[in-house]
Amino acid sequence: MPMNLSRGLRDFLDRKITIMVIPHAAFKPWRWQFSAAFIIFLAALWSGATIWAGFICGRHVDYWITKADNKVMLAKMGYLASEMERARDTLDVAKATDRQMRVLLNLSHREDLFGNNTAVGGPTAADRISLRRLLAIDPASVQQSDWHRQLEALREESRKRLASFQEIAWYIGNQRSLLHATPSMWPTEGQITSLYGYRLSPMNRSEGDVGEYHQGVDIANRPDTLIRATANGTVHLAGWSHGYGQVIHIDHGYGISTLFAHTSKSLVKTGQRVTRGQVIGYMGTTGRSTGAHLHYEIRRNGQPVNPMAYLKVRSVEDLLGYAQSAAR
């Protein structure tokens, strides 16, 4: 059986195959005669050449696709490097603005709080090398660590600027609140009749009287003259106090408080919030008083301070009243 199969295969390979081409014109037909083995060889050779050509073409196509991808990637890297440079320039402007604002606000620089330690946080001199220049020289030399270092430097600088601006915003807000809580206007209309400091008692003067310490200023005017809050705050007390009569005591925060004494009527209640310029009562003569006037005190951390440091002389009459009171 194997011998018959081998003989049959040999007979098939030895069989002649004739290929004839008959042209339409008056030419003789073309005729070729090949063995089956040669035809199979040609078919195998053609198939091998086709496969090899396809492989070579595939490699070239992959090469050109990879080259095109590299060009696109290089363009993206260049764009990213450009954006990182712009971000760094913006952070440099923010840093300069931060320092200028701190100078204007008389704030210490955050870097000064920790000394000039450039090894902690922020880009080094090597980090400041432009990635665009590195890409222009040799893109292959840009390693992943370079990108990470650049990005981390930007993140660190961004965090520092954000923290600094938050500190400045807090400081400005705090100073604004302090400004609103600081007495900065006259509590009422009238003439100063008694200053802050030692004076002779207006109630019972006698020979050899060494006087008393007056903890505020007295401003005299007609009864029921309007009295206004001199800063934002909360009414700590609106009621009677021995010697002071009907009083209004306002807590402004930051250790600052104001006292309005001898009022005839209070228009606010204990615990009520008031704002600068709000009418809180009327001038009167309650308590130990020789006439209608307002006794006005400013206290810091519970200790009375001179209210004149917070008041401005507004007219010649005020100046004359101030001089007459000082001469007493």
Protein backbone atom coordinates (compact mmCIF):
# COMPACT_ATOMS: atom_id res chain seq x y z
CA MET A 1 0.00 0.00 0.00
CA PRO A 2 2.75 2.58 0.77
CA MET A 3 4.58 1.60 -2.40
CA ASN A 4 1.46 2.16 -4.49
CA LEU A 5 0.97 5.57 -2.84
CA SER A 6 4.60 6.52 -3.50
CA ARG A 7 4.37 5.42 -7.13
CA GLY A 8 1.12 7.36 -7.58
CA LEU A 9 2.65 10.54 -6.11
CA ARG A 10 5.69 10.19 -8.38
CA ASP A 11 3.47 9.72 -11.40
CA PHE A 12 1.50 12.89 -10.44
CA LEU A 13 4.66 14.96 -10.08
CA ASP A 14 5.99 13.71 -13.41
CA ARG A 15 2.74 14.49 -15.21
CA LYS A 16 3.05 17.27 -17.77
CA ILE A 17 0.84 20.35 -17.59
CA THR A 18 0.49 22.47 -20.72
CA ILE A 19 -0.25 26.21 -20.49
CA MET A 20 -1.40 27.82 -23.75
CA VAL A 21 -2.06 31.51 -24.45
CA ILE A 22 -4.03 32.25 -27.65
CA PRO A 23 -3.87 35.95 -28.60
CA HIS A 24 -6.73 37.68 -30.46
CA ALA A 25 -4.45 39.01 -33.20
CA ALA A 26 -2.94 36.92 -35.90
CA PHE A 27 -0.16 35.65 -33.75
CA LYS A 28 0.82 32.11 -33.06
CA PRO A 29 -0.40 30.73 -29.76
CA TRP A 30 2.03 30.64 -26.87
CA ARG A 31 2.51 27.28 -25.35
CA TRP A 32 4.44 26.14 -22.31
CA GLN A 33 4.69 22.74 -20.83
CA PHE A 34 5.72 22.16 -17.23
CA SER A 35 5.72 19.25 -14.89
CA ALA A 36 3.34 19.25 -11.94
CA ALA A 37 6.32 19.32 -9.59
CA PHE A 38 7.58 22.58 -11.18
CA ILE A 39 4.14 24.17 -10.92
CA ILE A 40 3.96 23.26 -7.24
CA PHE A 41 7.47 24.69 -6.75
CA LEU A 42 6.45 27.95 -8.43
CA ALA A 43 3.31 28.15 -6.27
CA ALA A 44 5.33 27.56 -3.12
CA LEU A 45 7.91 30.14 -4.21
CA TRP A 46 5.17 32.67 -4.97
CA SER A 47 3.50 32.06 -1.60
CA GLY A 48 6.82 32.43 0.25
CA ALA A 49 7.65 35.65 -1.62
CA THR A 50 4.20 37.02 -0.85
CA ILE A 51 4.50 36.20 2.84
CA TRP A 52 8.02 37.69 3.03
CA ALA A 53 6.91 40.86 1.23
CA GLY A 54 3.96 41.16 3.57
CA PHE A 55 6.23 40.78 6.59
CA ILE A 56 8.67 43.43 5.29
CA CYS A 57 5.82 45.81 4.47
CA GLY A 58 4.33 45.21 7.89
CA ARG A 59 7.61 46.10 9.57
CA HIS A 60 7.90 49.29 7.53
CA VAL A 61 4.30 50.23 8.27
CA ASP A 62 4.91 49.68 12.00
CA TYR A 63 8.05 51.79 11.75
CA TRP A 64 6.27 54.69 10.09
CA ILE A 65 3.35 54.45 12.50
CA THR A 66 5.75 54.44 15.45
CA LYS A 67 7.66 57.37 13.97
CA ALA A 68 4.43 59.31 13.50
CA ASP A 69 3.37 58.47 17.06
CA ASN A 70 6.75 59.69 18.32
CA LYS A 71 6.29 62.98 16.50
CA VAL A 72 2.83 63.41 18.01
CA MET A 73 4.16 62.46 21.45
CA LEU A 74 7.05 64.90 21.08
CA ALA A 75 4.63 67.67 20.14
CA LYS A 76 2.50 66.85 23.17
CA MET A 77 5.57 66.82 25.42
CA GLY A 78 6.64 70.19 24.01
CA TYR A 79 3.18 71.62 24.65
CA LEU A 80 3.15 70.21 28.19
CA ALA A 81 6.62 71.61 28.84
CA SER A 82 5.46 75.01 27.55
CA GLU A 83 2.43 74.93 29.84
CA MET A 84 4.64 73.98 32.79
CA GLU A 85 6.89 76.95 32.01
CA ARG A 86 3.87 79.24 31.91
CA ALA A 87 2.63 77.82 35.20
CA ARG A 88 6.05 78.40 36.75
CA ASP A 89 6.12 81.98 35.44
CA THR A 90 2.66 82.54 36.93
CA LEU A 91 3.84 81.14 40.26
CA ASP A 92 6.86 83.44 40.16
CA VAL A 93 4.54 86.43 39.69
CA ALA A 94 2.35 85.15 42.53
CA LYS A 95 5.42 84.79 44.73
CA ALA A 96 6.54 88.35 43.98
CA THR A 97 3.01 89.63 44.64
CA ASP A 98 2.92 87.68 47.88
CA ARG A 99 6.12 89.32 49.10
CA GLN A 100 4.88 92.78 48.11
CA MET A 101 1.60 92.25 49.95
CA ARG A 102 3.45 91.08 53.05
CA VAL A 103 5.66 94.16 52.95
CA LEU A 104 2.60 96.40 52.67
CA LEU A 105 0.86 94.55 55.50
CA ASN A 106 4.04 94.37 57.60
CA LEU A 107 3.81 90.58 57.71
CA SER A 108 6.80 88.27 58.03
CA HIS A 109 7.56 86.20 54.95
CA ARG A 110 6.75 82.53 55.31
CA GLU A 111 10.28 81.64 54.12
CA ASP A 112 11.74 83.88 56.85
CA LEU A 113 9.80 82.00 59.53
CA PHE A 114 11.83 78.87 58.75
CA GLY A 115 15.06 80.54 57.68
CA ASN A 116 16.60 80.51 54.21
CA ASN A 117 16.44 76.74 53.88
CA THR A 118 16.20 76.14 50.15
CA ALA A 119 16.72 72.40 50.51
CA VAL A 120 13.21 71.86 51.77
CA GLY A 121 10.50 72.32 49.16
CA GLY A 122 10.59 74.39 46.00
CA PRO A 123 12.61 73.88 42.81
CA THR A 124 16.40 73.75 42.87
CA ALA A 125 18.68 75.32 40.26
CA ALA A 126 18.67 72.04 38.32
CA ASP A 127 14.89 71.92 38.45
CA ARG A 128 14.70 75.36 36.86
CA ILE A 129 16.16 74.05 33.57
CA SER A 130 13.49 74.40 30.92
CA LEU A 131 12.01 71.13 29.72
CA ARG A 132 11.46 72.73 26.35
CA ARG A 133 15.22 73.26 26.01
CA LEU A 134 15.84 69.67 27.05
CA LEU A 135 13.35 68.44 24.46
CA ALA A 136 14.90 70.63 21.77
CA ILE A 137 18.38 69.24 22.47
CA ASP A 138 17.60 65.56 22.93
CA PRO A 139 14.08 64.31 23.69
CA ALA A 140 15.48 60.90 24.60
CA SER A 141 17.48 62.48 27.42
CA VAL A 142 14.31 63.58 29.23
CA GLN A 143 13.64 60.90 31.81
CA GLN A 144 10.48 60.22 33.71
CA SER A 145 12.20 61.40 36.90
CA ASP A 146 12.69 64.85 35.29
CA TRP A 147 8.96 65.16 34.73
CA HIS A 148 8.19 64.00 38.25
CA ARG A 149 10.69 66.49 39.70
CA GLN A 150 9.26 69.36 37.67
CA LEU A 151 5.67 68.49 38.57
CA GLU A 152 6.48 68.03 42.25
CA ALA A 153 8.26 71.40 42.30
CA LEU A 154 5.19 73.07 40.80
CA ARG A 155 2.89 71.32 43.28
CA GLU A 156 5.06 72.34 46.22
CA GLU A 157 5.30 75.96 45.08
CA SER A 158 1.53 76.03 44.47
CA ARG A 159 0.86 74.71 47.97
CA LYS A 160 3.18 77.32 49.48
CA ARG A 161 1.57 80.19 47.57
CA LEU A 162 -1.93 78.98 48.45
CA ALA A 163 -1.05 78.71 52.14
CA SER A 164 0.56 82.15 52.06
CA PHE A 165 -2.42 83.79 50.37
CA GLN A 166 -4.76 82.08 52.82
CA GLU A 167 -2.69 83.50 55.67
CA ILE A 168 -2.83 86.97 54.10
CA ALA A 169 -6.60 86.65 53.58
CA TRP A 170 -7.01 85.62 57.22
CA TYR A 171 -4.87 88.54 58.36
CA ILE A 172 -6.83 91.03 56.24
CA GLY A 173 -10.13 89.61 57.50
CA ASN A 174 -8.89 89.74 61.06
CA GLN A 175 -7.68 93.32 60.65
CA ARG A 176 -11.01 94.25 59.07
CA SER A 177 -12.86 92.75 62.03
CA LEU A 178 -10.50 94.56 64.40
CA LEU A 179 -11.15 97.81 62.53
CA HIS A 180 -14.90 97.36 62.88
CA ALA A 181 -14.42 96.53 66.58
CA THR A 182 -12.23 99.57 67.30
CA PRO A 183 -14.05 102.75 68.45
CA SER A 184 -13.43 105.42 65.84
CA MET A 185 -16.19 108.04 66.07
CA TRP A 186 -17.73 110.46 68.54
CA PRO A 187 -20.45 108.84 70.66
CA THR A 188 -22.58 112.00 70.72
CA GLU A 189 -22.69 115.69 69.88
CA GLY A 190 -21.58 118.14 72.52
CA GLN A 191 -18.68 119.78 74.32
CA ILE A 192 -16.00 118.02 76.33
CA THR A 193 -16.33 119.13 79.96
CA SER A 194 -14.00 116.69 81.66
CA LEU A 195 -11.00 114.73 80.39
CA TYR A 196 -9.51 111.37 81.18
CA GLY A 197 -7.18 111.33 84.20
CA TYR A 198 -6.98 112.99 87.63
CA ARG A 199 -9.41 115.84 88.35
CA LEU A 200 -11.16 117.56 91.26
CA SER A 201 -14.41 115.88 92.09
CA PRO A 202 -17.34 117.89 90.66
CA MET A 203 -19.68 116.49 93.35
CA ASN A 204 -17.98 117.48 96.62
CA ARG A 205 -15.00 119.77 96.26
CA SER A 206 -13.27 120.74 99.53
CA GLU A 207 -10.01 122.30 100.60
CA GLY A 208 -7.18 119.82 100.40
CA ASP A 209 -9.08 117.57 97.98
CA VAL A 210 -6.47 115.67 95.94
CA GLY A 211 -9.10 114.80 93.34
CA GLU A 212 -10.15 111.56 91.74
CA TYR A 213 -9.14 109.53 88.74
CA HIS A 214 -11.62 110.07 85.92
CA GLN A 215 -11.71 106.95 83.73
CA GLY A 216 -13.37 108.51 80.69
CA VAL A 217 -14.41 111.78 79.08
CA ASP A 218 -17.58 113.77 79.76
CA ILE A 219 -19.43 115.28 76.82
CA ALA A 220 -22.22 117.73 77.74
CA ASN A 221 -25.25 118.71 75.67
CA ARG A 222 -29.01 119.08 75.93
CA PRO A 223 -30.98 116.25 77.57
CA ASP A 224 -32.01 113.43 75.24
CA THR A 225 -29.23 114.12 72.73
CA LEU A 226 -28.70 110.98 70.65
CA ILE A 227 -25.95 108.56 71.68
CA ARG A 228 -24.42 106.24 69.07
CA ALA A 229 -22.31 103.08 69.23
CA THR A 230 -18.74 103.85 68.25
CA ALA A 231 -17.93 100.35 66.91
CA ASN A 232 -19.55 97.01 66.13
CA GLY A 233 -20.20 94.78 69.12
CA THR A 234 -22.62 93.07 71.48
CA VAL A 235 -24.42 94.80 74.34
CA HIS A 236 -22.97 93.33 77.51
CA LEU A 237 -25.19 95.36 79.84
CA ALA A 238 -28.07 97.74 79.35
CA GLY A 239 -29.30 98.69 82.81
CA TRP A 240 -28.53 100.40 86.11
CA SER A 241 -25.03 100.63 87.58
CA HIS A 242 -24.20 102.27 90.93
CA GLY A 243 -22.77 105.76 90.44
CA TYR A 244 -23.02 105.55 86.65
CA GLY A 245 -26.83 105.52 86.58
CA GLN A 246 -28.38 104.08 83.45
CA VAL A 247 -25.50 102.58 81.44
CA ILE A 248 -24.88 100.77 78.17
CA HIS A 249 -21.81 98.54 78.15
CA ILE A 250 -20.79 97.14 74.73
CA ASP A 251 -18.27 94.34 74.19
CA HIS A 252 -16.51 94.75 70.80
CA GLY A 253 -14.24 91.72 71.00
CA TYR A 254 -10.43 91.72 70.86
CA GLY A 255 -10.49 92.81 74.53
CA ILE A 256 -12.13 96.16 73.64
CA SER A 257 -15.30 97.48 75.30
CA THR A 258 -17.06 100.85 75.65
CA LEU A 259 -19.20 102.26 78.46
CA PHE A 260 -21.90 104.93 78.06
CA ALA A 261 -23.08 106.26 81.43
CA HIS A 262 -25.75 108.67 82.83
CA THR A 263 -28.10 107.95 79.91
CA SER A 264 -31.75 108.84 80.27
CA LYS A 265 -32.98 105.89 78.21
CA SER A 266 -31.47 102.86 76.53
CA LEU A 267 -32.71 101.79 73.09
CA VAL A 268 -30.88 98.45 73.11
CA LYS A 269 -31.07 95.30 75.21
CA THR A 270 -28.47 93.03 76.77
CA GLY A 271 -27.18 90.52 74.20
CA GLN A 272 -28.18 92.65 71.19
CA ARG A 273 -25.74 93.15 68.31
CA VAL A 274 -25.04 96.78 67.39
CA THR A 275 -23.11 98.44 64.58
CA ARG A 276 -20.99 101.56 64.43
CA GLY A 277 -23.19 104.66 64.22
CA GLN A 278 -26.34 102.94 65.50
CA VAL A 279 -28.40 105.02 67.97
CA ILE A 280 -28.34 103.19 71.30
CA GLY A 281 -29.74 105.70 73.78
CA TYR A 282 -30.30 109.30 74.92
CA MET A 283 -28.15 111.62 76.99
CA GLY A 284 -29.35 112.16 80.56
CA THR A 285 -28.30 112.89 84.13
CA THR A 286 -28.92 109.60 85.94
CA GLY A 287 -26.58 108.47 88.72
CA ARG A 288 -23.95 110.79 90.23
CA SER A 289 -24.23 113.67 87.79
CA THR A 290 -24.26 117.47 87.94
CA GLY A 291 -26.09 117.91 84.63
CA ALA A 292 -27.01 116.31 81.33
CA HIS A 293 -23.91 114.75 79.85
CA LEU A 294 -22.44 111.46 78.62
CA HIS A 295 -19.63 109.75 80.50
CA TYR A 296 -17.80 107.76 77.80
CA GLU A 297 -15.17 105.12 78.59
CA ILE A 298 -13.02 102.84 76.41
CA ARG A 299 -11.51 99.77 78.05
CA ARG A 300 -8.87 97.39 76.76
CA ASN A 301 -8.61 94.04 78.51
CA GLY A 302 -10.75 95.47 81.29
CA GLN A 303 -8.51 98.50 81.92
CA PRO A 304 -9.69 102.03 81.03
CA VAL A 305 -7.67 103.91 78.39
CA ASN A 306 -7.78 107.53 77.26
CA PRO A 307 -10.72 107.90 74.82
CA MET A 308 -9.09 110.99 73.29
CA ALA A 309 -6.73 108.64 71.44
CA TYR A 310 -9.80 107.44 69.52
CA LEU A 311 -11.55 110.82 69.08
CA LYS A 312 -10.77 113.61 66.66
CA VAL A 313 -11.20 117.33 67.36
CA ARG A 314 -13.86 118.35 64.87
CA SER A 315 -14.24 122.11 65.35
CA VAL A 316 -12.96 125.21 67.12
CA GLU A 317 -15.68 124.77 69.77
CA ASP A 318 -14.40 121.26 70.54
CA LEU A 319 -10.86 122.58 70.76
CA LEU A 320 -11.91 125.37 73.14
CA GLY A 321 -13.90 122.96 75.28
CA TYR A 322 -10.91 120.58 75.34
CA ALA A 323 -8.58 123.43 76.47
CA GLN A 324 -11.02 124.68 79.13
CA SER A 325 -11.40 121.16 80.52
CA ALA A 326 -7.63 120.69 80.61
CA ALA A 327 -7.21 123.99 82.51
CA ARG A 328 -9.53 122.91 85.33
